[in-house]
Amino acid sequence: MSETTAPIDYSDFLKVDIRVGTVVRAEPFAAARRPAYKLWVDFGAAMGVKKTSAQLTVHYRPDDLIGRQVAAVMNFPAKQIGPFMSEILVLGFPDNDGEVVLISPERAVPNGGRLF
């Protein structure tokens, strides 16, 4: 699949606040329409722990996610997903079957660091 998007300015990129955090809690989200987990991600002292729902059940188990660093968009509005309020968007790429593969730094970095 090939998609073409309009070029953006660097100032447009800066509008998207993408940070790194560590998953500190993960559990199945039984109320979700599609199989998903509820995640709590620690972004350090300045931003604290944020929660999200993510459809990661094909490649990950809750225990595998604990301690894993992930990238997330911080400045989307919170979104109600059933009985759960999602505060961030964890980022990943689709595999050959369209299932999520998480984005992670290749080595440990401080929680809360901003992508540049």
PDB file of N, CA and C in Angstrom:
ATOM      1  N   MET A   1       0.848  -1.170   0.000  1.00  0.00           N
ATOM      2  CA  MET A   1       0.000   0.000   0.000  1.00  0.00           C
ATOM      3  C   MET A   1       0.898   1.238   0.000  1.00  0.00           C
ATOM      4  N   SER A   2       0.599   2.157  -0.862  1.00  0.00           N
ATOM      5  CA  SER A   2       1.362   3.391  -0.935  1.00  0.00           C
ATOM      6  C   SER A   2       0.420   4.566  -0.709  1.00  0.00           C
ATOM      7  N   GLU A   3       0.797   5.417   0.216  1.00  0.00           N
ATOM      8  CA  GLU A   3      -0.013   6.598   0.495  1.00  0.00           C
ATOM      9  C   GLU A   3       0.847   7.838   0.290  1.00  0.00           C
ATOM     10  N   THR A   4       0.252   8.848  -0.282  1.00  0.00           N
ATOM     11  CA  THR A   4       0.934  10.105  -0.474  1.00  0.00           C
ATOM     12  C   THR A   4       0.268  11.144   0.408  1.00  0.00           C
ATOM     13  N   THR A   5       1.076  11.877   1.130  1.00  0.00           N
ATOM     14  CA  THR A   5       0.538  12.936   1.974  1.00  0.00           C
ATOM     15  C   THR A   5       1.191  14.248   1.580  1.00  0.00           C
ATOM     16  N   ALA A   6       0.512  15.310   1.890  1.00  0.00           N
ATOM     17  CA  ALA A   6       1.044  16.640   1.583  1.00  0.00           C
ATOM     18  C   ALA A   6       2.249  16.933   2.473  1.00  0.00           C
ATOM     19  N   PRO A   7       3.243  17.616   1.944  1.00  0.00           N
ATOM     20  CA  PRO A   7       4.398  18.002   2.767  1.00  0.00           C
ATOM     21  C   PRO A   7       3.956  18.900   3.923  1.00  0.00           C
ATOM     22  N   ILE A   8       4.682  18.804   5.026  1.00  0.00           N
ATOM     23  CA  ILE A   8       4.409  19.660   6.179  1.00  0.00           C
ATOM     24  C   ILE A   8       5.658  20.454   6.524  1.00  0.00           C
ATOM     25  N   ASP A   9       5.455  21.510   7.260  1.00  0.00           N
ATOM     26  CA  ASP A   9       6.569  22.300   7.789  1.00  0.00           C
ATOM     27  C   ASP A   9       7.019  21.685   9.110  1.00  0.00           C
ATOM     28  N   TYR A  10       8.237  22.008   9.515  1.00  0.00           N
ATOM     29  CA  TYR A  10       8.738  21.532  10.797  1.00  0.00           C
ATOM     30  C   TYR A  10       7.827  21.980  11.936  1.00  0.00           C
ATOM     31  N   SER A  11       7.246  23.159  11.804  1.00  0.00           N
ATOM     32  CA  SER A  11       6.335  23.651  12.846  1.00  0.00           C
ATOM     33  C   SER A  11       5.113  22.744  12.987  1.00  0.00           C
ATOM     34  N   ASP A  12       4.679  22.101  11.886  1.00  0.00           N
ATOM     35  CA  ASP A  12       3.572  21.147  11.965  1.00  0.00           C
ATOM     36  C   ASP A  12       3.989  19.914  12.770  1.00  0.00           C
ATOM     37  N   PHE A  13       5.182  19.419  12.528  1.00  0.00           N
ATOM     38  CA  PHE A  13       5.712  18.268  13.266  1.00  0.00           C
ATOM     39  C   PHE A  13       5.762  18.570  14.757  1.00  0.00           C
ATOM     40  N   LEU A  14       6.172  19.788  15.112  1.00  0.00           N
ATOM     41  CA  LEU A  14       6.289  20.154  16.517  1.00  0.00           C
ATOM     42  C   LEU A  14       4.948  20.181  17.244  1.00  0.00           C
ATOM     43  N   LYS A  15       3.861  20.244  16.508  1.00  0.00           N
ATOM     44  CA  LYS A  15       2.532  20.241  17.132  1.00  0.00           C
ATOM     45  C   LYS A  15       2.181  18.884  17.719  1.00  0.00           C
ATOM     46  N   VAL A  16       2.810  17.822  17.215  1.00  0.00           N
ATOM     47  CA  VAL A  16       2.534  16.473  17.713  1.00  0.00           C
ATOM     48  C   VAL A  16       3.544  16.158  18.812  1.00  0.00           C
ATOM     49  N   ASP A  17       3.050  16.012  20.040  1.00  0.00           N
ATOM     50  CA  ASP A  17       3.904  15.760  21.201  1.00  0.00           C
ATOM     51  C   ASP A  17       4.036  14.250  21.401  1.00  0.00           C
ATOM     52  N   ILE A  18       5.130  13.677  20.882  1.00  0.00           N
ATOM     53  CA  ILE A  18       5.380  12.240  20.996  1.00  0.00           C
ATOM     54  C   ILE A  18       6.462  12.048  22.055  1.00  0.00           C
ATOM     55  N   ARG A  19       6.128  11.271  23.074  1.00  0.00           N
ATOM     56  CA  ARG A  19       7.025  11.035  24.213  1.00  0.00           C
ATOM     57  C   ARG A  19       7.226   9.545  24.435  1.00  0.00           C
ATOM     58  N   VAL A  20       8.269   9.227  25.191  1.00  0.00           N
ATOM     59  CA  VAL A  20       8.551   7.847  25.562  1.00  0.00           C
ATOM     60  C   VAL A  20       8.160   7.643  27.021  1.00  0.00           C
ATOM     61  N   GLY A  21       7.597   6.467  27.280  1.00  0.00           N
ATOM     62  CA  GLY A  21       7.234   6.099  28.644  1.00  0.00           C
ATOM     63  C   GLY A  21       7.374   4.605  28.821  1.00  0.00           C
ATOM     64  N   THR A  22       7.291   4.165  30.080  1.00  0.00           N
ATOM     65  CA  THR A  22       7.427   2.754  30.411  1.00  0.00           C
ATOM     66  C   THR A  22       6.088   2.207  30.888  1.00  0.00           C
ATOM     67  N   VAL A  23       5.675   1.092  30.305  1.00  0.00           N
ATOM     68  CA  VAL A  23       4.437   0.444  30.723  1.00  0.00           C
ATOM     69  C   VAL A  23       4.633  -0.093  32.142  1.00  0.00           C
ATOM     70  N   VAL A  24       3.767   0.354  33.069  1.00  0.00           N
ATOM     71  CA  VAL A  24       3.866  -0.081  34.459  1.00  0.00           C
ATOM     72  C   VAL A  24       2.724  -1.017  34.855  1.00  0.00           C
ATOM     73  N   ARG A  25       1.684  -1.054  34.048  1.00  0.00           N
ATOM     74  CA  ARG A  25       0.549  -1.927  34.317  1.00  0.00           C
ATOM     75  C   ARG A  25      -0.132  -2.246  32.987  1.00  0.00           C
ATOM     76  N   ALA A  26      -0.575  -3.495  32.831  1.00  0.00           N
ATOM     77  CA  ALA A  26      -1.282  -3.922  31.618  1.00  0.00           C
ATOM     78  C   ALA A  26      -2.254  -5.015  32.002  1.00  0.00           C
ATOM     79  N   GLU A  27      -3.480  -4.893  31.494  1.00  0.00           N
ATOM     80  CA  GLU A  27      -4.478  -5.919  31.794  1.00  0.00           C
ATOM     81  C   GLU A  27      -5.460  -6.037  30.638  1.00  0.00           C
ATOM     82  N   PRO A  28      -6.078  -7.207  30.484  1.00  0.00           N
ATOM     83  CA  PRO A  28      -7.067  -7.370  29.426  1.00  0.00           C
ATOM     84  C   PRO A  28      -8.212  -6.365  29.603  1.00  0.00           C
ATOM     85  N   PHE A  29      -8.745  -5.891  28.481  1.00  0.00           N
ATOM     86  CA  PHE A  29      -9.860  -4.942  28.488  1.00  0.00           C
ATOM     87  C   PHE A  29     -11.089  -5.706  28.003  1.00  0.00           C
ATOM     88  N   ALA A  30     -11.752  -6.380  28.925  1.00  0.00           N
ATOM     89  CA  ALA A  30     -12.878  -7.257  28.594  1.00  0.00           C
ATOM     90  C   ALA A  30     -14.044  -6.511  27.951  1.00  0.00           C
ATOM     91  N   ALA A  31     -14.227  -5.232  28.270  1.00  0.00           N
ATOM     92  CA  ALA A  31     -15.361  -4.463  27.747  1.00  0.00           C
ATOM     93  C   ALA A  31     -15.120  -3.913  26.343  1.00  0.00           C
ATOM     94  N   ALA A  32     -13.920  -4.063  25.808  1.00  0.00           N
ATOM     95  CA  ALA A  32     -13.612  -3.541  24.469  1.00  0.00           C
ATOM     96  C   ALA A  32     -14.335  -4.360  23.395  1.00  0.00           C
ATOM     97  N   ARG A  33     -14.718  -3.692  22.306  1.00  0.00           N
ATOM     98  CA  ARG A  33     -15.383  -4.396  21.198  1.00  0.00           C
ATOM     99  C   ARG A  33     -14.439  -5.351  20.482  1.00  0.00           C
ATOM    100  N   ARG A  34     -13.187  -4.911  20.283  1.00  0.00           N
ATOM    101  CA  ARG A  34     -12.147  -5.769  19.698  1.00  0.00           C
ATOM    102  C   ARG A  34     -11.151  -6.091  20.801  1.00  0.00           C
ATOM    103  N   PRO A  35     -10.504  -7.255  20.751  1.00  0.00           N
ATOM    104  CA  PRO A  35      -9.563  -7.615  21.805  1.00  0.00           C
ATOM    105  C   PRO A  35      -8.524  -6.507  22.029  1.00  0.00           C
ATOM    106  N   ALA A  36      -8.363  -6.112  23.278  1.00  0.00           N
ATOM    107  CA  ALA A  36      -7.466  -4.998  23.616  1.00  0.00           C
ATOM    108  C   ALA A  36      -6.969  -5.151  25.045  1.00  0.00           C
ATOM    109  N   TYR A  37      -5.974  -4.335  25.359  1.00  0.00           N
ATOM    110  CA  TYR A  37      -5.466  -4.233  26.723  1.00  0.00           C
ATOM    111  C   TYR A  37      -5.656  -2.810  27.208  1.00  0.00           C
ATOM    112  N   LYS A  38      -5.774  -2.677  28.522  1.00  0.00           N
ATOM    113  CA  LYS A  38      -5.672  -1.378  29.181  1.00  0.00           C
ATOM    114  C   LYS A  38      -4.231  -1.262  29.641  1.00  0.00           C
ATOM    115  N   LEU A  39      -3.596  -0.137  29.305  1.00  0.00           N
ATOM    116  CA  LEU A  39      -2.206   0.098  29.671  1.00  0.00           C
ATOM    117  C   LEU A  39      -2.091   1.348  30.524  1.00  0.00           C
ATOM    118  N   TRP A  40      -1.175   1.318  31.477  1.00  0.00           N
ATOM    119  CA  TRP A  40      -0.783   2.488  32.250  1.00  0.00           C
ATOM    120  C   TRP A  40       0.693   2.704  31.958  1.00  0.00           C
ATOM    121  N   VAL A  41       1.030   3.900  31.473  1.00  0.00           N
ATOM    122  CA  VAL A  41       2.381   4.192  31.002  1.00  0.00           C
ATOM    123  C   VAL A  41       2.945   5.355  31.814  1.00  0.00           C
ATOM    124  N   ASP A  42       4.136   5.154  32.387  1.00  0.00           N
ATOM    125  CA  ASP A  42       4.799   6.169  33.211  1.00  0.00           C
ATOM    126  C   ASP A  42       5.684   7.047  32.328  1.00  0.00           C
ATOM    127  N   PHE A  43       5.382   8.355  32.304  1.00  0.00           N
ATOM    128  CA  PHE A  43       6.144   9.314  31.515  1.00  0.00           C
ATOM    129  C   PHE A  43       7.042  10.182  32.385  1.00  0.00           C
ATOM    130  N   GLY A  44       7.356   9.737  33.583  1.00  0.00           N
ATOM    131  CA  GLY A  44       8.269  10.472  34.450  1.00  0.00           C
ATOM    132  C   GLY A  44       7.539  11.435  35.368  1.00  0.00           C
ATOM    133  N   ALA A  45       8.315  12.063  36.248  1.00  0.00           N
ATOM    134  CA  ALA A  45       7.757  12.918  37.301  1.00  0.00           C
ATOM    135  C   ALA A  45       6.945  14.087  36.755  1.00  0.00           C
ATOM    136  N   ALA A  46       7.366  14.679  35.662  1.00  0.00           N
ATOM    137  CA  ALA A  46       6.683  15.873  35.148  1.00  0.00           C
ATOM    138  C   ALA A  46       5.305  15.555  34.564  1.00  0.00           C
ATOM    139  N   MET A  47       5.133  14.394  33.962  1.00  0.00           N
ATOM    140  CA  MET A  47       3.871  14.048  33.294  1.00  0.00           C
ATOM    141  C   MET A  47       3.100  12.939  33.984  1.00  0.00           C
ATOM    142  N   GLY A  48       3.774  12.132  34.758  1.00  0.00           N
ATOM    143  CA  GLY A  48       3.108  11.074  35.506  1.00  0.00           C
ATOM    144  C   GLY A  48       2.679   9.892  34.655  1.00  0.00           C
ATOM    145  N   VAL A  49       1.766   9.109  35.220  1.00  0.00           N
ATOM    146  CA  VAL A  49       1.263   7.906  34.567  1.00  0.00           C
ATOM    147  C   VAL A  49      -0.010   8.255  33.808  1.00  0.00           C
ATOM    148  N   LYS A  50      -0.054   7.844  32.546  1.00  0.00           N
ATOM    149  CA  LYS A  50      -1.217   8.055  31.674  1.00  0.00           C
ATOM    150  C   LYS A  50      -1.740   6.682  31.262  1.00  0.00           C
ATOM    151  N   LYS A  51      -3.029   6.623  30.945  1.00  0.00           N
ATOM    152  CA  LYS A  51      -3.622   5.338  30.573  1.00  0.00           C
ATOM    153  C   LYS A  51      -4.161   5.370  29.148  1.00  0.00           C
ATOM    154  N   THR A  52      -4.233   4.176  28.566  1.00  0.00           N
ATOM    155  CA  THR A  52      -4.729   4.035  27.207  1.00  0.00           C
ATOM    156  C   THR A  52      -5.266   2.635  26.989  1.00  0.00           C
ATOM    157  N   SER A  53      -6.043   2.491  25.947  1.00  0.00           N
ATOM    158  CA  SER A  53      -6.486   1.188  25.484  1.00  0.00           C
ATOM    159  C   SER A  53      -5.765   0.928  24.167  1.00  0.00           C
ATOM    160  N   ALA A  54      -5.273  -0.307  23.988  1.00  0.00           N
ATOM    161  CA  ALA A  54      -4.521  -0.616  22.773  1.00  0.00           C
ATOM    162  C   ALA A  54      -4.820  -2.038  22.308  1.00  0.00           C
ATOM    163  N   GLN A  55      -5.024  -2.185  21.018  1.00  0.00           N
ATOM    164  CA  GLN A  55      -5.310  -3.491  20.416  1.00  0.00           C
ATOM    165  C   GLN A  55      -3.996  -4.193  20.074  1.00  0.00           C
ATOM    166  N   LEU A  56      -3.389  -4.775  21.102  1.00  0.00           N
ATOM    167  CA  LEU A  56      -2.061  -5.378  20.981  1.00  0.00           C
ATOM    168  C   LEU A  56      -2.061  -6.870  21.266  1.00  0.00           C
ATOM    169  N   THR A  57      -3.219  -7.500  21.300  1.00  0.00           N
ATOM    170  CA  THR A  57      -3.320  -8.859  21.823  1.00  0.00           C
ATOM    171  C   THR A  57      -2.698  -9.935  20.938  1.00  0.00           C
ATOM    172  N   VAL A  58      -2.440  -9.651  19.673  1.00  0.00           N
ATOM    173  CA  VAL A  58      -1.872 -10.666  18.788  1.00  0.00           C
ATOM    174  C   VAL A  58      -0.401 -10.928  19.114  1.00  0.00           C
ATOM    175  N   HIS A  59       0.385  -9.873  19.307  1.00  0.00           N
ATOM    176  CA  HIS A  59       1.829 -10.031  19.499  1.00  0.00           C
ATOM    177  C   HIS A  59       2.306  -9.892  20.944  1.00  0.00           C
ATOM    178  N   TYR A  60       1.432  -9.452  21.849  1.00  0.00           N
ATOM    179  CA  TYR A  60       1.869  -9.169  23.219  1.00  0.00           C
ATOM    180  C   TYR A  60       0.906  -9.762  24.237  1.00  0.00           C
ATOM    181  N   ARG A  61       1.457 -10.152  25.384  1.00  0.00           N
ATOM    182  CA  ARG A  61       0.676 -10.528  26.554  1.00  0.00           C
ATOM    183  C   ARG A  61       0.890  -9.433  27.594  1.00  0.00           C
ATOM    184  N   PRO A  62      -0.048  -9.256  28.512  1.00  0.00           N
ATOM    185  CA  PRO A  62       0.123  -8.198  29.514  1.00  0.00           C
ATOM    186  C   PRO A  62       1.472  -8.244  30.233  1.00  0.00           C
ATOM    187  N   ASP A  63       1.902  -9.432  30.636  1.00  0.00           N
ATOM    188  CA  ASP A  63       3.180  -9.544  31.348  1.00  0.00           C
ATOM    189  C   ASP A  63       4.375  -9.131  30.490  1.00  0.00           C
ATOM    190  N   ASP A  64       4.268  -9.343  29.163  1.00  0.00           N
ATOM    191  CA  ASP A  64       5.355  -8.957  28.247  1.00  0.00           C
ATOM    192  C   ASP A  64       5.494  -7.449  28.138  1.00  0.00           C
ATOM    193  N   LEU A  65       4.406  -6.742  28.396  1.00  0.00           N
ATOM    194  CA  LEU A  65       4.403  -5.285  28.219  1.00  0.00           C
ATOM    195  C   LEU A  65       4.974  -4.535  29.418  1.00  0.00           C
ATOM    196  N   ILE A  66       4.890  -5.117  30.608  1.00  0.00           N
ATOM    197  CA  ILE A  66       5.381  -4.453  31.811  1.00  0.00           C
ATOM    198  C   ILE A  66       6.888  -4.213  31.676  1.00  0.00           C
ATOM    199  N   GLY A  67       7.293  -2.964  31.892  1.00  0.00           N
ATOM    200  CA  GLY A  67       8.708  -2.601  31.799  1.00  0.00           C
ATOM    201  C   GLY A  67       9.155  -2.202  30.402  1.00  0.00           C
ATOM    202  N   ARG A  68       8.303  -2.351  29.415  1.00  0.00           N
ATOM    203  CA  ARG A  68       8.651  -2.016  28.033  1.00  0.00           C
ATOM    204  C   ARG A  68       8.468  -0.519  27.805  1.00  0.00           C
ATOM    205  N   GLN A  69       9.440   0.098  27.163  1.00  0.00           N
ATOM    206  CA  GLN A  69       9.295   1.505  26.786  1.00  0.00           C
ATOM    207  C   GLN A  69       8.556   1.588  25.461  1.00  0.00           C
ATOM    208  N   VAL A  70       7.629   2.548  25.374  1.00  0.00           N
ATOM    209  CA  VAL A  70       6.808   2.746  24.183  1.00  0.00           C
ATOM    210  C   VAL A  70       6.759   4.230  23.840  1.00  0.00           C
ATOM    211  N   ALA A  71       6.429   4.518  22.597  1.00  0.00           N
ATOM    212  CA  ALA A  71       6.222   5.895  22.154  1.00  0.00           C
ATOM    213  C   ALA A  71       4.717   6.161  22.130  1.00  0.00           C
ATOM    214  N   ALA A  72       4.336   7.396  22.492  1.00  0.00           N
ATOM    215  CA  ALA A  72       2.919   7.738  22.521  1.00  0.00           C
ATOM    216  C   ALA A  72       2.706   9.207  22.186  1.00  0.00           C
ATOM    217  N   VAL A  73       1.573   9.484  21.534  1.00  0.00           N
ATOM    218  CA  VAL A  73       1.143  10.863  21.307  1.00  0.00           C
ATOM    219  C   VAL A  73       0.461  11.325  22.588  1.00  0.00           C
ATOM    220  N   MET A  74       0.947  12.441  23.110  1.00  0.00           N
ATOM    221  CA  MET A  74       0.459  12.938  24.397  1.00  0.00           C
ATOM    222  C   MET A  74      -0.646  13.979  24.265  1.00  0.00           C
ATOM    223  N   ASN A  75      -0.733  14.650  23.119  1.00  0.00           N
ATOM    224  CA  ASN A  75      -1.613  15.819  23.045  1.00  0.00           C
ATOM    225  C   ASN A  75      -2.869  15.625  22.194  1.00  0.00           C
ATOM    226  N   PHE A  76      -3.344  14.374  22.069  1.00  0.00           N
ATOM    227  CA  PHE A  76      -4.695  14.161  21.557  1.00  0.00           C
ATOM    228  C   PHE A  76      -5.661  14.360  22.722  1.00  0.00           C
ATOM    229  N   PRO A  77      -6.880  14.778  22.449  1.00  0.00           N
ATOM    230  CA  PRO A  77      -7.857  14.862  23.544  1.00  0.00           C
ATOM    231  C   PRO A  77      -8.143  13.464  24.100  1.00  0.00           C
ATOM    232  N   ALA A  78      -8.449  13.397  25.392  1.00  0.00           N
ATOM    233  CA  ALA A  78      -8.824  12.120  26.010  1.00  0.00           C
ATOM    234  C   ALA A  78     -10.061  11.578  25.290  1.00  0.00           C
ATOM    235  N   LYS A  79     -10.154  10.245  25.236  1.00  0.00           N
ATOM    236  CA  LYS A  79     -11.256   9.607  24.510  1.00  0.00           C
ATOM    237  C   LYS A  79     -11.863   8.509  25.380  1.00  0.00           C
ATOM    238  N   GLN A  80     -13.170   8.546  25.526  1.00  0.00           N
ATOM    239  CA  GLN A  80     -13.880   7.520  26.283  1.00  0.00           C
ATOM    240  C   GLN A  80     -14.022   6.271  25.415  1.00  0.00           C
ATOM    241  N   ILE A  81     -13.527   5.146  25.903  1.00  0.00           N
ATOM    242  CA  ILE A  81     -13.636   3.875  25.198  1.00  0.00           C
ATOM    243  C   ILE A  81     -14.387   2.937  26.141  1.00  0.00           C
ATOM    244  N   GLY A  82     -15.683   2.823  25.925  1.00  0.00           N
ATOM    245  CA  GLY A  82     -16.519   2.066  26.858  1.00  0.00           C
ATOM    246  C   GLY A  82     -16.422   2.703  28.234  1.00  0.00           C
ATOM    247  N   PRO A  83     -16.129   1.898  29.262  1.00  0.00           N
ATOM    248  CA  PRO A  83     -16.029   2.448  30.616  1.00  0.00           C
ATOM    249  C   PRO A  83     -14.645   3.010  30.953  1.00  0.00           C
ATOM    250  N   PHE A  84     -13.763   3.113  29.965  1.00  0.00           N
ATOM    251  CA  PHE A  84     -12.354   3.465  30.198  1.00  0.00           C
ATOM    252  C   PHE A  84     -12.004   4.756  29.470  1.00  0.00           C
ATOM    253  N   MET A  85     -11.300   5.655  30.146  1.00  0.00           N
ATOM    254  CA  MET A  85     -10.868   6.910  29.531  1.00  0.00           C
ATOM    255  C   MET A  85      -9.420   6.763  29.052  1.00  0.00           C
ATOM    256  N   SER A  86      -9.229   6.863  27.735  1.00  0.00           N
ATOM    257  CA  SER A  86      -7.901   6.770  27.138  1.00  0.00           C
ATOM    258  C   SER A  86      -7.312   8.178  27.032  1.00  0.00           C
ATOM    259  N   GLU A  87      -6.109   8.366  27.572  1.00  0.00           N
ATOM    260  CA  GLU A  87      -5.488   9.691  27.644  1.00  0.00           C
ATOM    261  C   GLU A  87      -4.378   9.906  26.621  1.00  0.00           C
ATOM    262  N   ILE A  88      -3.843   8.836  26.056  1.00  0.00           N
ATOM    263  CA  ILE A  88      -2.721   8.905  25.112  1.00  0.00           C
ATOM    264  C   ILE A  88      -2.965   7.936  23.971  1.00  0.00           C
ATOM    265  N   LEU A  89      -2.147   8.029  22.924  1.00  0.00           N
ATOM    266  CA  LEU A  89      -2.192   7.081  21.819  1.00  0.00           C
ATOM    267  C   LEU A  89      -0.819   6.431  21.700  1.00  0.00           C
ATOM    268  N   VAL A  90      -0.735   5.142  22.056  1.00  0.00           N
ATOM    269  CA  VAL A  90       0.510   4.393  21.923  1.00  0.00           C
ATOM    270  C   VAL A  90       0.712   4.104  20.443  1.00  0.00           C
ATOM    271  N   LEU A  91       1.955   4.213  19.971  1.00  0.00           N
ATOM    272  CA  LEU A  91       2.255   4.118  18.539  1.00  0.00           C
ATOM    273  C   LEU A  91       2.871   2.783  18.139  1.00  0.00           C
ATOM    274  N   GLY A  92       2.514   2.345  16.943  1.00  0.00           N
ATOM    275  CA  GLY A  92       3.070   1.123  16.392  1.00  0.00           C
ATOM    276  C   GLY A  92       2.919   1.114  14.885  1.00  0.00           C
ATOM    277  N   PHE A  93       3.488   0.103  14.280  1.00  0.00           N
ATOM    278  CA  PHE A  93       3.380  -0.114  12.835  1.00  0.00           C
ATOM    279  C   PHE A  93       2.620  -1.416  12.604  1.00  0.00           C
ATOM    280  N   PRO A  94       1.935  -1.532  11.445  1.00  0.00           N
ATOM    281  CA  PRO A  94       1.260  -2.792  11.144  1.00  0.00           C
ATOM    282  C   PRO A  94       2.250  -3.835  10.617  1.00  0.00           C
ATOM    283  N   ASP A  95       2.036  -5.086  11.041  1.00  0.00           N
ATOM    284  CA  ASP A  95       2.807  -6.179  10.445  1.00  0.00           C
ATOM    285  C   ASP A  95       2.137  -6.582   9.122  1.00  0.00           C
ATOM    286  N   ASN A  96       2.543  -7.688   8.529  1.00  0.00           N
ATOM    287  CA  ASN A  96       1.976  -8.125   7.238  1.00  0.00           C
ATOM    288  C   ASN A  96       0.482  -8.391   7.300  1.00  0.00           C
ATOM    289  N   ASP A  97      -0.032  -8.669   8.502  1.00  0.00           N
ATOM    290  CA  ASP A  97      -1.459  -8.953   8.671  1.00  0.00           C
ATOM    291  C   ASP A  97      -2.232  -7.762   9.219  1.00  0.00           C
ATOM    292  N   GLY A  98      -1.562  -6.618   9.357  1.00  0.00           N
ATOM    293  CA  GLY A  98      -2.219  -5.424   9.874  1.00  0.00           C
ATOM    294  C   GLY A  98      -2.282  -5.358  11.386  1.00  0.00           C
ATOM    295  N   GLU A  99      -1.587  -6.251  12.069  1.00  0.00           N
ATOM    296  CA  GLU A  99      -1.574  -6.253  13.537  1.00  0.00           C
ATOM    297  C   GLU A  99      -0.470  -5.329  14.051  1.00  0.00           C
ATOM    298  N   VAL A 100      -0.707  -4.714  15.214  1.00  0.00           N
ATOM    299  CA  VAL A 100       0.192  -3.696  15.754  1.00  0.00           C
ATOM    300  C   VAL A 100       1.495  -4.282  16.283  1.00  0.00           C
ATOM    301  N   VAL A 101       2.600  -3.663  15.861  1.00  0.00           N
ATOM    302  CA  VAL A 101       3.930  -3.906  16.418  1.00  0.00           C
ATOM    303  C   VAL A 101       4.368  -2.576  17.021  1.00  0.00           C
ATOM    304  N   LEU A 102       4.586  -2.559  18.328  1.00  0.00           N
ATOM    305  CA  LEU A 102       4.888  -1.320  19.038  1.00  0.00           C
ATOM    306  C   LEU A 102       6.211  -0.687  18.615  1.00  0.00           C
ATOM    307  N   ILE A 103       6.251   0.626  18.704  1.00  0.00           N
ATOM    308  CA  ILE A 103       7.491   1.388  18.518  1.00  0.00           C
ATOM    309  C   ILE A 103       8.166   1.512  19.878  1.00  0.00           C
ATOM    310  N   SER A 104       9.425   1.167  19.937  1.00  0.00           N
ATOM    311  CA  SER A 104      10.202   1.276  21.170  1.00  0.00           C
ATOM    312  C   SER A 104      11.591   1.795  20.838  1.00  0.00           C
ATOM    313  N   PRO A 105      12.209   2.559  21.752  1.00  0.00           N
ATOM    314  CA  PRO A 105      13.598   2.968  21.509  1.00  0.00           C
ATOM    315  C   PRO A 105      14.505   1.733  21.523  1.00  0.00           C
ATOM    316  N   GLU A 106      15.589   1.778  20.787  1.00  0.00           N
ATOM    317  CA  GLU A 106      16.477   0.625  20.698  1.00  0.00           C
ATOM    318  C   GLU A 106      17.349   0.443  21.932  1.00  0.00           C
ATOM    319  N   ARG A 107      17.331   1.423  22.824  1.00  0.00           N
ATOM    320  CA  ARG A 107      17.973   1.289  24.139  1.00  0.00           C
ATOM    321  C   ARG A 107      17.195   2.153  25.118  1.00  0.00           C
ATOM    322  N   ALA A 108      17.365   1.907  26.399  1.00  0.00           N
ATOM    323  CA  ALA A 108      16.617   2.637  27.422  1.00  0.00           C
ATOM    324  C   ALA A 108      16.935   4.130  27.367  1.00  0.00           C
ATOM    325  N   VAL A 109      15.904   4.939  27.479  1.00  0.00           N
ATOM    326  CA  VAL A 109      16.029   6.398  27.527  1.00  0.00           C
ATOM    327  C   VAL A 109      15.153   6.894  28.682  1.00  0.00           C
ATOM    328  N   PRO A 110      15.390   8.120  29.155  1.00  0.00           N
ATOM    329  CA  PRO A 110      14.582   8.637  30.265  1.00  0.00           C
ATOM    330  C   PRO A 110      13.113   8.775  29.877  1.00  0.00           C
ATOM    331  N   ASN A 111      12.231   8.335  30.767  1.00  0.00           N
ATOM    332  CA  ASN A 111      10.796   8.511  30.539  1.00  0.00           C
ATOM    333  C   ASN A 111      10.456   9.981  30.377  1.00  0.00           C
ATOM    334  N   GLY A 112       9.545  10.269  29.458  1.00  0.00           N
ATOM    335  CA  GLY A 112       9.118  11.643  29.224  1.00  0.00           C
ATOM    336  C   GLY A 112       9.871  12.336  28.102  1.00  0.00           C
ATOM    337  N   GLY A 113      10.940  11.709  27.596  1.00  0.00           N
ATOM    338  CA  GLY A 113      11.707  12.313  26.506  1.00  0.00           C
ATOM    339  C   GLY A 113      10.844  12.500  25.274  1.00  0.00           C
ATOM    340  N   ARG A 114      11.025  13.629  24.621  1.00  0.00           N
ATOM    341  CA  ARG A 114      10.222  13.960  23.441  1.00  0.00           C
ATOM    342  C   ARG A 114      10.943  13.545  22.159  1.00  0.00           C
ATOM    343  N   LEU A 115      10.200  12.977  21.236  1.00  0.00           N
ATOM    344  CA  LEU A 115      10.740  12.591  19.933  1.00  0.00           C
ATOM    345  C   LEU A 115      11.144  13.831  19.151  1.00  0.00           C
ATOM    346  N   PHE A 116      12.336  13.794  18.561  1.00  0.00           N
ATOM    347  CA  PHE A 116      12.749  14.870  17.655  1.00  0.00           C
ATOM    348  C   PHE A 116      13.484  14.285  16.484  1.00  0.00           C
TER     349      PHE A 116
END
